[in-house]
C-alpha atoms as a PDB file:
ATOM      1  CA  MET A   1       9.634  -7.527  -7.381  1.00  0.00           C
ATOM      2  CA  SER A   2      11.307  -4.170  -6.701  1.00  0.00           C
ATOM      3  CA  GLU A   3      10.874  -2.624  -3.264  1.00  0.00           C
ATOM      4  CA  HIS A   4      10.162   0.947  -2.261  1.00  0.00           C
ATOM      5  CA  TRP A   5      12.659   2.790  -0.072  1.00  0.00           C
ATOM      6  CA  TYR A   6      12.876   5.999   1.968  1.00  0.00           C
ATOM      7  CA  THR A   7      15.744   7.986   3.424  1.00  0.00           C
ATOM      8  CA  ARG A   8      15.890   8.304   7.203  1.00  0.00           C
ATOM      9  CA  ASP A   9      14.533  11.862   6.987  1.00  0.00           C
ATOM     10  CA  GLY A  10      11.455  10.724   5.056  1.00  0.00           C
ATOM     11  CA  LYS A  11      12.326  11.375   1.411  1.00  0.00           C
ATOM     12  CA  SER A  12      11.332   8.771  -1.167  1.00  0.00           C
ATOM     13  CA  SER A  13      14.256   6.941  -2.748  1.00  0.00           C
ATOM     14  CA  HIS A  14      12.483   4.385  -4.936  1.00  0.00           C
ATOM     15  CA  THR A  15      14.692   4.955  -8.003  1.00  0.00           C
ATOM     16  CA  ARG A  16      18.002   6.481  -9.004  1.00  0.00           C
ATOM     17  CA  LEU A  17      19.767   7.598 -12.158  1.00  0.00           C
ATOM     18  CA  THR A  18      22.317   5.417 -13.909  1.00  0.00           C
ATOM     19  CA  LYS A  19      25.506   6.757 -15.501  1.00  0.00           C
ATOM     20  CA  LYS A  20      23.631   6.721 -18.824  1.00  0.00           C
ATOM     21  CA  GLY A  21      20.957   9.009 -17.406  1.00  0.00           C
ATOM     22  CA  THR A  22      18.205   6.388 -17.231  1.00  0.00           C
ATOM     23  CA  GLU A  23      16.234   5.399 -14.130  1.00  0.00           C
ATOM     24  CA  ARG A  24      16.580   2.105 -12.309  1.00  0.00           C
ATOM     25  CA  ALA A  25      14.938   0.699  -9.206  1.00  0.00           C
ATOM     26  CA  THR A  26      16.764   1.146  -5.906  1.00  0.00           C
ATOM     27  CA  THR A  27      18.338  -2.144  -4.807  1.00  0.00           C
ATOM     28  CA  LEU A  28      19.000  -3.771  -1.453  1.00  0.00           C
ATOM     29  CA  ARG A  29      22.694  -3.071  -2.014  1.00  0.00           C
ATOM     30  CA  ASP A  30      21.937   0.655  -2.374  1.00  0.00           C
ATOM     31  CA  ALA A  31      19.868   0.506   0.798  1.00  0.00           C
ATOM     32  CA  ARG A  32      22.657  -1.110   2.803  1.00  0.00           C
ATOM     33  CA  VAL A  33      25.177   1.508   1.708  1.00  0.00           C
ATOM     34  CA  GLU A  34      22.877   4.472   2.336  1.00  0.00           C
ATOM     35  CA  GLY A  35      20.960   3.151   5.347  1.00  0.00           C
ATOM     36  CA  LEU A  36      17.591   3.372   3.584  1.00  0.00           C
ATOM     37  CA  LEU A  37      14.322   2.296   5.170  1.00  0.00           C
ATOM     38  CA  PRO A  38      11.899  -0.118   3.440  1.00  0.00           C
ATOM     39  CA  SER A  39       8.318   0.950   2.859  1.00  0.00           C
ATOM     40  CA  VAL A  40       5.465  -0.465   4.918  1.00  0.00           C
ATOM     41  CA  SER A  41       4.052  -2.173   1.821  1.00  0.00           C
ATOM     42  CA  SER A  42       7.430  -3.809   1.056  1.00  0.00           C
ATOM     43  CA  ILE A  43       7.498  -5.325   4.539  1.00  0.00           C
ATOM     44  CA  LEU A  44       3.902  -6.529   4.292  1.00  0.00           C
ATOM     45  CA  ASN A  45       4.743  -8.395   1.080  1.00  0.00           C
ATOM     46  CA  GLU A  46       6.511 -10.927   3.320  1.00  0.00           C
ATOM     47  CA  ALA A  47       3.147 -12.285   4.487  1.00  0.00           C
ATOM     48  CA  TYR A  48       1.576 -15.138   2.565  1.00  0.00           C
ATOM     49  CA  SER A  49      -1.809 -14.191   1.108  1.00  0.00           C
ATOM     50  CA  PRO A  50      -4.016 -17.087  -0.069  1.00  0.00           C
ATOM     51  CA  GLU A  51      -6.346 -14.625  -1.833  1.00  0.00           C
ATOM     52  CA  LEU A  52      -3.475 -13.037  -3.734  1.00  0.00           C
ATOM     53  CA  GLU A  53      -2.008 -16.416  -4.716  1.00  0.00           C
ATOM     54  CA  ARG A  54      -5.377 -17.629  -6.045  1.00  0.00           C
ATOM     55  CA  TYR A  55      -5.707 -14.396  -7.991  1.00  0.00           C
ATOM     56  CA  LYS A  56      -2.235 -14.822  -9.545  1.00  0.00           C
ATOM     57  CA  GLN A  57      -2.968 -18.438 -10.481  1.00  0.00           C
ATOM     58  CA  SER A  58      -6.255 -17.406 -12.070  1.00  0.00           C
ATOM     59  CA  ARG A  59      -4.497 -14.710 -14.100  1.00  0.00           C
ATOM     60  CA  LEU A  60      -1.890 -17.231 -15.315  1.00  0.00           C
ATOM     61  CA  LEU A  61      -4.586 -19.684 -16.398  1.00  0.00           C
ATOM     62  CA  ASP A  62      -6.472 -16.937 -18.245  1.00  0.00           C
ATOM     63  CA  ALA A  63      -3.257 -15.921 -20.028  1.00  0.00           C
ATOM     64  CA  CYS A  64      -2.533 -19.536 -21.016  1.00  0.00           C
ATOM     65  CA  LEU A  65      -5.988 -19.742 -22.617  1.00  0.00           C
ATOM     66  CA  LYS A  66      -5.391 -16.484 -24.494  1.00  0.00           C
ATOM     67  CA  PHE A  67      -2.026 -17.413 -26.012  1.00  0.00           C
ATOM     68  CA  THR A  68      -1.251 -20.785 -27.590  1.00  0.00           C
ATOM     69  CA  PRO A  69       2.370 -22.047 -27.836  1.00  0.00           C
ATOM     70  CA  ASP A  70       2.257 -22.505 -31.611  1.00  0.00           C
ATOM     71  CA  ALA A  71       1.821 -18.728 -32.063  1.00  0.00           C
ATOM     72  CA  PHE A  72       5.397 -18.119 -30.856  1.00  0.00           C
ATOM     73  CA  SER A  73       8.813 -18.958 -32.233  1.00  0.00           C
ATOM     74  CA  THR A  74      10.109 -20.446 -28.998  1.00  0.00           C
ATOM     75  CA  THR A  75       8.717 -21.750 -25.721  1.00  0.00           C
ATOM     76  CA  GLU A  76      10.533 -18.978 -23.855  1.00  0.00           C
ATOM     77  CA  GLU A  77       8.786 -16.296 -25.929  1.00  0.00           C
ATOM     78  CA  TRP A  78       5.444 -17.930 -25.134  1.00  0.00           C
ATOM     79  CA  LYS A  79       6.260 -18.019 -21.406  1.00  0.00           C
ATOM     80  CA  LYS A  80       7.262 -14.350 -21.496  1.00  0.00           C
ATOM     81  CA  ALA A  81       3.976 -13.388 -23.143  1.00  0.00           C
ATOM     82  CA  ILE A  82       2.069 -15.390 -20.543  1.00  0.00           C
ATOM     83  CA  ARG A  83       3.846 -13.683 -17.665  1.00  0.00           C
ATOM     84  CA  GLU A  84       3.357 -10.212 -19.136  1.00  0.00           C
ATOM     85  CA  GLU A  85      -0.347 -10.814 -19.731  1.00  0.00           C
ATOM     86  CA  ALA A  86      -0.798 -12.251 -16.224  1.00  0.00           C
ATOM     87  CA  ASP A  87       0.885  -9.194 -14.691  1.00  0.00           C
ATOM     88  CA  ARG A  88      -0.970  -6.675 -16.847  1.00  0.00           C
ATOM     89  CA  GLU A  89      -4.122  -6.406 -14.719  1.00  0.00           C
ATOM     90  CA  MET A  90      -2.096  -6.014 -11.521  1.00  0.00           C
ATOM     91  CA  VAL A  91      -0.014  -3.235 -13.098  1.00  0.00           C
ATOM     92  CA  GLU A  92      -3.176  -1.531 -14.350  1.00  0.00           C
ATOM     93  CA  ALA A  93      -4.692  -1.789 -10.863  1.00  0.00           C
ATOM     94  CA  GLN A  94      -1.618  -0.105  -9.385  1.00  0.00           C
ATOM     95  CA  GLN A  95      -1.783   2.648 -12.018  1.00  0.00           C
ATOM     96  CA  PHE A  96      -5.500   3.110 -11.326  1.00  0.00           C
ATOM     97  CA  GLY A  97      -4.847   3.453  -7.587  1.00  0.00           C
ATOM     98  CA  THR A  98      -2.065   5.967  -8.197  1.00  0.00           C
ATOM     99  CA  ALA A  99      -4.289   8.058 -10.486  1.00  0.00           C
ATOM    100  CA  PHE A 100      -7.117   7.988  -7.941  1.00  0.00           C
ATOM    101  CA  HIS A 101      -4.867   9.148  -5.088  1.00  0.00           C
ATOM    102  CA  LYS A 102      -3.496  11.939  -7.294  1.00  0.00           C
ATOM    103  CA  ALA A 103      -7.015  13.083  -8.143  1.00  0.00           C
ATOM    104  CA  MET A 104      -7.961  13.061  -4.450  1.00  0.00           C
ATOM    105  CA  GLU A 105      -4.839  14.987  -3.476  1.00  0.00           C
ATOM    106  CA  THR A 106      -4.844  17.655  -6.186  1.00  0.00           C
ATOM    107  CA  GLY A 107      -8.533  17.943  -7.028  1.00  0.00           C
ATOM    108  CA  GLU A 108      -7.627  17.805 -10.729  1.00  0.00           C
ATOM    109  CA  GLN A 109      -9.974  16.005 -13.099  1.00  0.00           C
ATOM    110  CA  VAL A 110      -8.527  12.673 -14.202  1.00  0.00           C
ATOM    111  CA  ASP A 111     -10.286  10.591 -16.866  1.00  0.00           C
ATOM    112  CA  GLY A 112     -12.502   7.978 -15.225  1.00  0.00           C
ATOM    113  CA  MET A 113     -11.876   9.283 -11.694  1.00  0.00           C
ATOM    114  CA  ASP A 114     -14.546  11.989 -11.301  1.00  0.00           C
ATOM    115  CA  VAL A 115     -17.309   9.660 -10.050  1.00  0.00           C
ATOM    116  CA  LEU A 116     -14.964   7.865  -7.646  1.00  0.00           C
ATOM    117  CA  VAL A 117     -13.507  11.077  -6.266  1.00  0.00           C
ATOM    118  CA  ALA A 118     -16.957  12.611  -5.793  1.00  0.00           C
ATOM    119  CA  ALA A 119     -18.174   9.518  -3.941  1.00  0.00           C
ATOM    120  CA  THR A 120     -15.083   9.433  -1.738  1.00  0.00           C
ATOM    121  CA  LYS A 121     -15.346  13.105  -0.856  1.00  0.00           C
ATOM    122  CA  GLY A 122     -18.978  12.465   0.044  1.00  0.00           C
ATOM    123  CA  ALA A 123     -17.853   9.750   2.470  1.00  0.00           C
ATOM    124  CA  MET A 124     -15.214  12.086   3.922  1.00  0.00           C
ATOM    125  CA  ASP A 125     -17.874  14.769   4.454  1.00  0.00           C
ATOM    126  CA  LYS A 126     -19.888  12.271   6.514  1.00  0.00           C
ATOM    127  CA  LEU A 127     -16.792  11.431   8.564  1.00  0.00           C
ATOM    128  CA  LEU A 128     -16.177  15.141   9.201  1.00  0.00           C
ATOM    129  CA  ILE A 129     -19.741  15.469  10.466  1.00  0.00           C
ATOM    130  CA  ASP A 130     -18.995  12.456  12.678  1.00  0.00           C
ATOM    131  CA  GLY A 131     -16.288  14.507  14.403  1.00  0.00           C
ATOM    132  CA  LEU A 132     -13.225  13.633  12.328  1.00  0.00           C
ATOM    133  CA  GLU A 133     -10.699  16.492  12.155  1.00  0.00           C
ATOM    134  CA  VAL A 134      -8.064  16.209   9.421  1.00  0.00           C
ATOM    135  CA  ILE A 135      -4.598  17.162  10.714  1.00  0.00           C
ATOM    136  CA  GLU A 136      -2.405  16.229   7.724  1.00  0.00           C
ATOM    137  CA  GLN A 137      -2.830  14.717   4.263  1.00  0.00           C
ATOM    138  CA  GLU A 138      -0.357  12.740   2.132  1.00  0.00           C
ATOM    139  CA  VAL A 139       2.137  12.610   4.985  1.00  0.00           C
ATOM    140  CA  VAL A 140       5.355  10.557   5.007  1.00  0.00           C
ATOM    141  CA  LEU A 141       5.790   8.740   8.312  1.00  0.00           C
ATOM    142  CA  VAL A 142       9.138   7.402   9.527  1.00  0.00           C
ATOM    143  CA  SER A 143       9.859   4.916  12.313  1.00  0.00           C
ATOM    144  CA  LYS A 144      13.623   4.843  12.796  1.00  0.00           C
ATOM    145  CA  ASP A 145      13.421   2.620  15.863  1.00  0.00           C
ATOM    146  CA  MET A 146      11.490  -0.038  13.915  1.00  0.00           C
ATOM    147  CA  GLY A 147      13.229   0.620  10.590  1.00  0.00           C
ATOM    148  CA  TYR A 148      10.495   1.501   8.091  1.00  0.00           C
ATOM    149  CA  ALA A 149       8.665   4.405   6.454  1.00  0.00           C
ATOM    150  CA  GLY A 150       5.600   5.025   4.319  1.00  0.00           C
ATOM    151  CA  THR A 151       3.062   7.526   3.058  1.00  0.00           C
ATOM    152  CA  THR A 152      -0.481   7.614   4.423  1.00  0.00           C
ATOM    153  CA  ASP A 153      -3.467   9.546   3.122  1.00  0.00           C
ATOM    154  CA  VAL A 154      -4.799  11.209   6.280  1.00  0.00           C
ATOM    155  CA  ARG A 155      -3.731  11.776   9.883  1.00  0.00           C
ATOM    156  CA  TYR A 156      -6.707  12.834  11.974  1.00  0.00           C
ATOM    157  CA  ILE A 157      -8.212  13.346  15.436  1.00  0.00           C
ATOM    158  CA  ARG A 158     -11.702  12.084  16.329  1.00  0.00           C
ATOM    159  CA  ASN A 159     -13.294  12.027  19.773  1.00  0.00           C
ATOM    160  CA  ALA A 160      -9.913  12.960  21.313  1.00  0.00           C
ATOM    161  CA  ARG A 161      -8.293   9.938  19.658  1.00  0.00           C
ATOM    162  CA  ASN A 162      -5.474  10.097  17.118  1.00  0.00           C
ATOM    163  CA  GLY A 163      -6.109   8.135  13.955  1.00  0.00           C
ATOM    164  CA  ILE A 164      -4.867   7.140  10.503  1.00  0.00           C
ATOM    165  CA  LEU A 165      -7.122   6.959   7.436  1.00  0.00           C
ATOM    166  CA  ASP A 166      -6.167   5.305   4.164  1.00  0.00           C
ATOM    167  CA  PHE A 167      -8.050   5.094   0.857  1.00  0.00           C
ATOM    168  CA  LYS A 168      -8.220   1.829  -1.099  1.00  0.00           C
ATOM    169  CA  THR A 169      -9.630   1.274  -4.588  1.00  0.00           C
ATOM    170  CA  THR A 170     -11.085  -2.212  -4.964  1.00  0.00           C
ATOM    171  CA  LYS A 171     -13.465  -4.403  -6.934  1.00  0.00           C
ATOM    172  CA  THR A 172     -16.786  -5.127  -5.267  1.00  0.00           C
ATOM    173  CA  THR A 173     -19.806  -7.354  -5.939  1.00  0.00           C
ATOM    174  CA  PRO A 174     -23.335  -5.914  -5.634  1.00  0.00           C
ATOM    175  CA  GLY A 175     -24.987  -6.992  -2.398  1.00  0.00           C
ATOM    176  CA  GLU A 176     -21.796  -8.399  -0.911  1.00  0.00           C
ATOM    177  CA  PRO A 177     -19.539  -6.779   1.724  1.00  0.00           C
ATOM    178  CA  VAL A 178     -16.161  -5.421   0.713  1.00  0.00           C
ATOM    179  CA  LEU A 179     -13.312  -7.939   1.006  1.00  0.00           C
ATOM    180  CA  LEU A 180     -11.225  -6.936   4.029  1.00  0.00           C
ATOM    181  CA  LYS A 181      -7.514  -7.742   4.160  1.00  0.00           C
ATOM    182  CA  MET A 182      -5.311  -8.057   7.221  1.00  0.00           C
ATOM    183  CA  SER A 183      -2.533  -6.287   5.308  1.00  0.00           C
ATOM    184  CA  HIS A 184      -4.670  -3.132   5.046  1.00  0.00           C
ATOM    185  CA  LYS A 185      -5.292  -3.137   8.788  1.00  0.00           C
ATOM    186  CA  ALA A 186      -1.616  -3.869   9.486  1.00  0.00           C
ATOM    187  CA  GLN A 187      -0.616  -1.008   7.200  1.00  0.00           C
ATOM    188  CA  ILE A 188      -2.673   1.424   9.266  1.00  0.00           C
ATOM    189  CA  ALA A 189      -1.228  -0.031  12.484  1.00  0.00           C
ATOM    190  CA  ALA A 190       2.313   0.523  11.161  1.00  0.00           C
ATOM    191  CA  TYR A 191       1.537   4.109  10.141  1.00  0.00           C
ATOM    192  CA  HIS A 192      -0.011   4.651  13.560  1.00  0.00           C
ATOM    193  CA  HIS A 193       3.107   3.552  15.420  1.00  0.00           C
ATOM    194  CA  ALA A 194       5.264   5.780  13.228  1.00  0.00           C
ATOM    195  CA  ALA A 195       2.988   8.818  13.647  1.00  0.00           C
ATOM    196  CA  PHE A 196       2.149   8.445  17.329  1.00  0.00           C
ATOM    197  CA  PRO A 197       4.871   6.360  19.023  1.00  0.00           C
ATOM    198  CA  TRP A 198       4.018   7.864  22.424  1.00  0.00           C
ATOM    199  CA  LEU A 199       0.406   6.659  22.454  1.00  0.00           C
ATOM    200  CA  ASN A 200      -0.832   3.796  24.561  1.00  0.00           C
ATOM    201  CA  PRO A 201      -2.342   0.967  22.474  1.00  0.00           C
ATOM    202  CA  TRP A 202      -5.882   1.681  23.689  1.00  0.00           C
ATOM    203  CA  GLU A 203      -5.712   5.299  22.478  1.00  0.00           C
ATOM    204  CA  ARG A 204      -5.489   4.371  18.792  1.00  0.00           C
ATOM    205  CA  GLU A 205      -8.056   4.047  16.000  1.00  0.00           C
ATOM    206  CA  GLY A 206      -7.962   3.739  12.226  1.00  0.00           C
ATOM    207  CA  ILE A 207     -10.149   3.883   9.131  1.00  0.00           C
ATOM    208  CA  ASN A 208     -10.034   2.385   5.638  1.00  0.00           C
ATOM    209  CA  VAL A 209     -12.208   4.016   2.989  1.00  0.00           C
ATOM    210  CA  TYR A 210     -12.814   1.443   0.241  1.00  0.00           C
ATOM    211  CA  VAL A 211     -13.783   2.939  -3.123  1.00  0.00           C
ATOM    212  CA  SER A 212     -15.363   0.521  -5.608  1.00  0.00           C
ATOM    213  CA  LYS A 213     -13.956   0.367  -9.144  1.00  0.00           C
ATOM    214  CA  THR A 214     -16.824  -1.831 -10.354  1.00  0.00           C
ATOM    215  CA  GLU A 215     -19.818  -0.139  -8.678  1.00  0.00           C
ATOM    216  CA  PRO A 216     -19.603   3.601  -9.405  1.00  0.00           C
ATOM    217  CA  GLY A 217     -20.505   5.607  -6.318  1.00  0.00           C
ATOM    218  CA  ARG A 218     -20.075   2.787  -3.808  1.00  0.00           C
ATOM    219  CA  VAL A 219     -17.859   3.630  -0.836  1.00  0.00           C
ATOM    220  CA  ASP A 220     -17.419   1.434   2.242  1.00  0.00           C
ATOM    221  CA  VAL A 221     -16.018   2.954   5.452  1.00  0.00           C
ATOM    222  CA  VAL A 222     -14.376   0.412   7.779  1.00  0.00           C
ATOM    223  CA  LYS A 223     -13.320   1.552  11.257  1.00  0.00           C
ATOM    224  CA  TYR A 224     -10.761  -0.312  13.374  1.00  0.00           C
ATOM    225  CA  THR A 225     -10.723  -0.359  17.160  1.00  0.00           C
ATOM    226  CA  ALA A 226      -7.615  -0.066  19.316  1.00  0.00           C
ATOM    227  CA  GLU A 227      -7.802  -3.811  20.017  1.00  0.00           C
ATOM    228  CA  GLU A 228      -7.912  -4.666  16.308  1.00  0.00           C
ATOM    229  CA  LEU A 229      -4.958  -2.381  15.572  1.00  0.00           C
ATOM    230  CA  GLU A 230      -2.884  -3.958  18.360  1.00  0.00           C
ATOM    231  CA  ILE A 231      -3.330  -7.414  16.802  1.00  0.00           C
ATOM    232  CA  ALA A 232      -2.564  -5.964  13.353  1.00  0.00           C
ATOM    233  CA  TRP A 233       0.586  -4.348  14.771  1.00  0.00           C
ATOM    234  CA  GLN A 234       1.825  -7.707  16.038  1.00  0.00           C
ATOM    235  CA  TRP A 235       1.200  -9.095  12.555  1.00  0.00           C
ATOM    236  CA  PHE A 236       3.212  -6.277  10.968  1.00  0.00           C
ATOM    237  CA  ASP A 237       6.026  -6.696  13.509  1.00  0.00           C
ATOM    238  CA  ALA A 238       6.301 -10.381  12.584  1.00  0.00           C
ATOM    239  CA  CYS A 239       6.527  -9.430   8.893  1.00  0.00           C
ATOM    240  CA  ALA A 240       9.252  -6.878   9.689  1.00  0.00           C
ATOM    241  CA  ARG A 241      11.329  -9.464  11.548  1.00  0.00           C
ATOM    242  CA  LEU A 242      10.998 -11.898   8.656  1.00  0.00           C
ATOM    243  CA  TRP A 243      11.911  -9.142   6.187  1.00  0.00           C
ATOM    244  CA  ARG A 244      15.146  -8.391   8.105  1.00  0.00           C
ATOM    245  CA  ILE A 245      16.121 -12.069   8.446  1.00  0.00           C
ATOM    246  CA  ARG A 246      15.585 -12.878   4.760  1.00  0.00           C
ATOM    247  CA  ARG A 247      17.687  -9.943   3.579  1.00  0.00           C
ATOM    248  CA  GLY A 248      20.342  -9.955   6.254  1.00  0.00           C
ATOM    249  CA  TYR A 249      19.806  -6.230   6.645  1.00  0.00           C
ATOM    250  CA  ASP A 250      18.595  -4.412   9.760  1.00  0.00           C
ATOM    251  CA  PRO A 251      17.432  -0.886   8.794  1.00  0.00           C
ATOM    252  CA  ARG A 252      16.967  -0.004  12.468  1.00  0.00           C
ATOM    253  CA  LYS A 253      20.722   0.466  12.766  1.00  0.00           C
ATOM    254  CA  GLU A 254      22.399   3.660  11.645  1.00  0.00           C
ATOM    255  CA  VAL A 255      25.064   3.366   8.965  1.00  0.00           C
ATOM    256  CA  VAL A 256      28.519   4.155  10.304  1.00  0.00           C
ATOM    257  CA  SER A 257      30.825   5.631   7.648  1.00  0.00           C
END
């Protein structure tokens, strides 16, 4: 799995051009040479997720039922088709999320996004009435002292407290609460520390706005307290330490030419 990278001044550096003029993913070797910072999501991938593993296993089993070995010339071709089919839904989910965020940011109509965007803006209107003041949108946040960077949807102030808000598109089941993930909370905690490093832990708050892909118009707003974000920050910090150990690369240190 390729990782996302940022320069130390907050510019995305996820890909680069080859000598042939084609794009390739930025590698760990590139990062070491240039002193790049990993994204928050790359660091959080270090954490084991039982829900994600069950989902991947389910996708593999579904793909095995769809393709039989005798339909392919070799076993390796069959395995490749299985892997591609298993990954397809995850790739589509990522593309869906990207399209949704673009529609929210630009206001442009994107096929299949109009209902979701309208519902999300309705939820944001309620939050504004609740005293939320948007300070910045689509802002890149950099933490040089901790060695990471990332892009969050909204930096805000509410009731004299600084906060981070992030949108998430997700599948939901009618009548059941949205599935909360520690990684989402930890992501907000990491953005918080990058945006407001001077704040005391008890002065923080965060919000996830979950937009349903399966129930048009459903939006769940989940607010996190300062205490919840402090625990999530410890979780993220543990992931960051593991990330550095596994790669033998400490992005907190400046590159010396």
